[in-house]
Protein backbone atom coordinates (compact mmCIF):
# COMPACT_ATOMS: atom_id res chain seq x y z
CA MET A 1 36.10 84.56 104.72
CA LYS A 2 34.97 87.53 102.71
CA ILE A 3 37.83 89.45 101.06
CA LEU A 4 37.54 92.72 99.18
CA LEU A 5 40.07 92.70 96.33
CA THR A 6 41.44 95.57 94.27
CA GLY A 7 43.62 95.01 91.23
CA GLU A 8 42.06 91.66 90.38
CA THR A 9 43.20 91.84 86.74
CA GLY A 10 46.90 92.30 87.57
CA THR A 11 49.46 89.55 88.09
CA ILE A 12 49.20 89.48 91.89
CA GLY A 13 45.44 90.12 91.97
CA ARG A 14 44.70 87.30 89.50
CA GLU A 15 46.79 84.82 91.51
CA PHE A 16 45.27 86.01 94.78
CA LYS A 17 41.74 85.62 93.40
CA ARG A 18 42.56 82.14 92.01
CA GLN A 19 43.99 80.83 95.28
CA ALA A 20 41.37 82.47 97.49
CA THR A 21 38.53 81.09 95.38
CA LEU A 22 40.07 77.59 95.44
CA ALA A 23 40.31 77.87 99.23
CA GLY A 24 36.59 78.67 99.41
CA HIS A 25 36.84 82.35 100.29
CA GLU A 26 34.28 84.83 99.01
CA ILE A 27 35.97 87.44 96.81
CA VAL A 28 34.36 90.83 96.26
CA VAL A 29 35.99 93.03 93.65
CA THR A 30 35.91 96.81 93.64
CA GLY A 31 35.08 99.14 90.81
CA ASP A 32 37.06 102.24 90.01
CA ILE A 33 39.01 103.13 93.15
CA THR A 34 39.95 106.50 91.66
CA SER A 35 36.32 107.52 92.17
CA MET A 36 35.63 108.70 95.71
CA ASP A 37 31.92 108.07 95.16
CA ALA A 38 32.58 104.46 94.15
CA THR A 39 34.81 103.71 97.14
CA ARG A 40 32.37 105.31 99.58
CA ARG A 41 29.67 102.93 98.30
CA ILE A 42 31.70 99.88 99.33
CA TRP A 43 29.67 97.83 101.79
CA TRP A 44 32.20 96.98 104.53
CA PRO A 45 29.99 94.95 106.92
CA GLY A 46 31.03 91.32 106.73
CA VAL A 47 34.33 92.06 104.94
CA ASP A 48 37.10 90.26 106.82
CA ALA A 49 40.03 91.55 104.78
CA LEU A 50 41.03 94.09 102.15
CA ALA A 51 43.67 92.92 99.67
CA HIS A 52 44.72 96.10 97.88
CA PHE A 53 46.79 95.16 94.82
CA ALA A 54 45.56 97.84 92.38
CA ALA A 55 48.47 99.63 90.71
CA ALA A 56 49.04 101.62 87.55
CA GLY A 57 52.28 101.87 85.63
CA VAL A 58 53.93 98.63 86.77
CA ARG A 59 54.55 97.13 83.34
CA PHE A 60 55.41 100.28 81.44
CA THR A 61 58.72 101.96 80.82
CA ALA A 62 59.28 105.31 82.49
CA GLN A 63 58.55 107.10 79.20
CA ASP A 64 55.14 105.38 78.87
CA ARG A 65 53.93 106.05 82.40
CA THR A 66 51.77 109.10 82.90
CA TRP A 67 51.69 111.05 86.12
CA ALA A 68 47.89 111.18 86.00
CA ASP A 69 47.49 107.40 85.69
CA CYS A 70 50.07 106.51 88.32
CA MET A 71 49.04 109.11 90.89
CA GLY A 72 45.35 108.50 90.15
CA VAL A 73 45.36 104.78 90.94
CA ASN A 74 48.38 104.35 93.16
CA LEU A 75 47.91 107.33 95.46
CA VAL A 76 44.41 108.83 95.00
CA GLY A 77 42.78 105.39 94.72
CA THR A 78 44.50 104.28 97.91
CA LEU A 79 43.48 107.47 99.72
CA ASN A 80 39.88 106.88 98.61
CA LEU A 81 39.97 103.37 100.09
CA LEU A 82 41.48 104.66 103.34
CA ASP A 83 38.76 107.32 103.58
CA SER A 84 36.08 104.70 102.91
CA ILE A 85 37.45 102.47 105.68
CA THR A 86 37.74 105.42 108.07
CA LEU A 87 34.12 106.45 107.45
CA SER A 88 32.85 102.88 107.82
CA LYS A 89 31.67 101.57 111.15
CA CYS A 90 32.74 98.05 110.09
CA LYS A 91 36.45 97.86 109.39
CA PRO A 92 38.09 94.73 107.98
CA ALA A 93 40.25 92.77 110.42
CA VAL A 94 43.12 92.61 107.92
CA PHE A 95 44.46 95.14 105.43
CA VAL A 96 46.99 93.92 102.86
CA PRO A 97 48.32 97.10 101.23
CA GLY A 98 50.08 95.42 98.33
CA SER A 99 53.77 95.39 97.67
CA ILE A 100 56.43 97.62 99.09
CA ARG A 101 58.95 96.48 96.51
CA GLU A 102 59.29 100.11 95.51
CA LEU A 103 61.45 100.70 98.59
CA GLU A 104 64.19 98.71 96.86
CA THR A 105 64.23 101.26 94.05
CA LEU A 106 65.48 104.17 96.14
CA ASP A 107 68.88 103.95 94.48
CA VAL A 108 67.46 104.14 90.94
CA PRO A 109 68.93 107.03 88.95
CA HIS A 110 66.42 109.80 88.27
CA LEU A 111 64.04 108.21 90.80
CA TRP A 112 61.89 111.29 91.21
CA ARG A 113 61.26 111.50 87.45
CA ASP A 114 59.41 108.16 87.36
CA PRO A 115 55.69 108.60 88.08
CA TYR A 116 55.24 104.96 89.13
CA VAL A 117 58.01 105.05 91.70
CA VAL A 118 56.95 108.43 93.11
CA SER A 119 53.30 107.35 93.32
CA VAL A 120 53.96 104.05 95.11
CA ILE A 121 56.39 105.62 97.58
CA SER A 122 53.76 108.29 98.27
CA ARG A 123 51.12 105.57 98.66
CA SER A 124 53.29 103.63 101.10
CA ARG A 125 53.91 106.75 103.15
CA ALA A 126 50.18 107.60 103.26
CA ILE A 127 49.30 104.05 104.36
CA SER A 128 52.02 104.08 106.99
CA GLU A 129 50.75 107.35 108.48
CA TRP A 130 47.09 106.26 108.32
CA ALA A 131 47.93 102.90 109.92
CA MET A 132 48.91 104.55 113.17
CA ASP A 133 45.19 104.97 113.94
CA TYR A 134 44.00 101.72 112.34
CA PRO A 135 43.04 98.92 114.74
CA GLY A 136 43.40 96.18 112.10
CA PHE A 137 46.29 93.86 111.35
CA PHE A 138 48.58 94.70 108.44
CA ALA A 139 50.13 92.02 106.29
CA SER A 140 52.41 93.93 103.97
CA PRO A 141 54.43 91.48 101.95
CA LYS A 142 57.61 92.11 100.08
CA LEU A 143 56.42 90.63 96.80
CA PRO A 144 58.72 89.12 94.19
CA ARG A 145 59.26 90.44 90.68
CA LEU A 146 56.16 89.90 88.57
CA GLY A 147 57.90 87.64 86.03
CA ASP A 148 58.57 84.96 88.68
CA ALA A 149 55.25 83.07 88.69
CA ALA A 150 56.31 80.46 91.26
CA ALA A 151 57.49 83.15 93.70
CA VAL A 152 54.26 85.13 93.20
CA GLU A 153 52.26 81.95 93.89
CA CYS A 154 54.21 81.32 97.13
CA ALA A 155 53.86 84.95 98.27
CA VAL A 156 50.10 84.89 97.68
CA ALA A 157 49.77 81.61 99.58
CA LYS A 158 51.56 83.22 102.57
CA ILE A 159 49.29 86.28 102.41
CA LEU A 160 46.17 84.07 102.41
CA LYS A 161 47.52 82.04 105.35
CA ASP A 162 48.22 85.23 107.31
CA ILE A 163 44.72 86.54 106.60
CA ALA A 164 43.18 83.26 107.75
CA ASP A 165 45.36 83.17 110.88
CA VAL A 166 44.44 86.72 111.83
CA CYS A 167 40.76 86.12 111.25
CA ASP A 168 41.12 83.04 113.49
CA HIS A 169 43.01 85.26 116.01
CA GLN A 170 46.26 83.35 115.54
CA PRO A 171 48.66 85.64 113.66
CA THR A 172 51.82 83.95 112.40
CA SER A 173 53.67 87.13 111.48
CA LYS A 174 53.27 90.77 112.25
CA ALA A 175 54.00 93.97 110.40
CA VAL A 176 56.18 96.69 111.80
CA PRO A 177 56.70 100.24 110.55
CA LEU A 178 59.84 101.03 108.63
CA ASP A 179 61.73 104.22 109.32
CA ARG A 180 60.22 106.07 106.35
CA ASP A 181 57.99 104.56 103.75
CA GLY A 182 55.92 101.53 104.58
CA LEU A 183 55.59 98.21 106.32
CA ILE A 184 57.45 94.91 106.05
CA TYR A 185 57.25 91.55 107.78
CA ALA A 186 59.04 91.47 111.10
């Protein structure tokens, strides 16, 4: 399978790339997803899946996160990818829109002051709305905390299995919309 990967230098992206490569999948990495020109140059024919793990601001404290960085990658970068897919005549069969762990943070004090949280909730909402017209399969995992390497490894293995199953037309799990902000396994 040919998988387009964003966020290949992050914790999840590195593990995804490692496991996918070991399994014999072809991994294509993107450039700067904050550039509309760059995302529109993505060659979608032959791409079976998009694994979108790019994120900014994950490992920083709220004081170190900038609104420009978080909104630029997490929201604008995602919107650029969605536009690129929409304009393409060859859409991937599977779209893995990264983690929705941010939904667990809704009870965090001062939530709307944290650029990372606001940007990923906005991203999840945009993906959820866009997905209503998308004919592909969504595998939107609830990923573990990044410090738990064994749990990240297991989650990535499940994502790769789901991608392979869908591409073989045998899905093992399906995604369903949440009430507000994203997708989770049913």
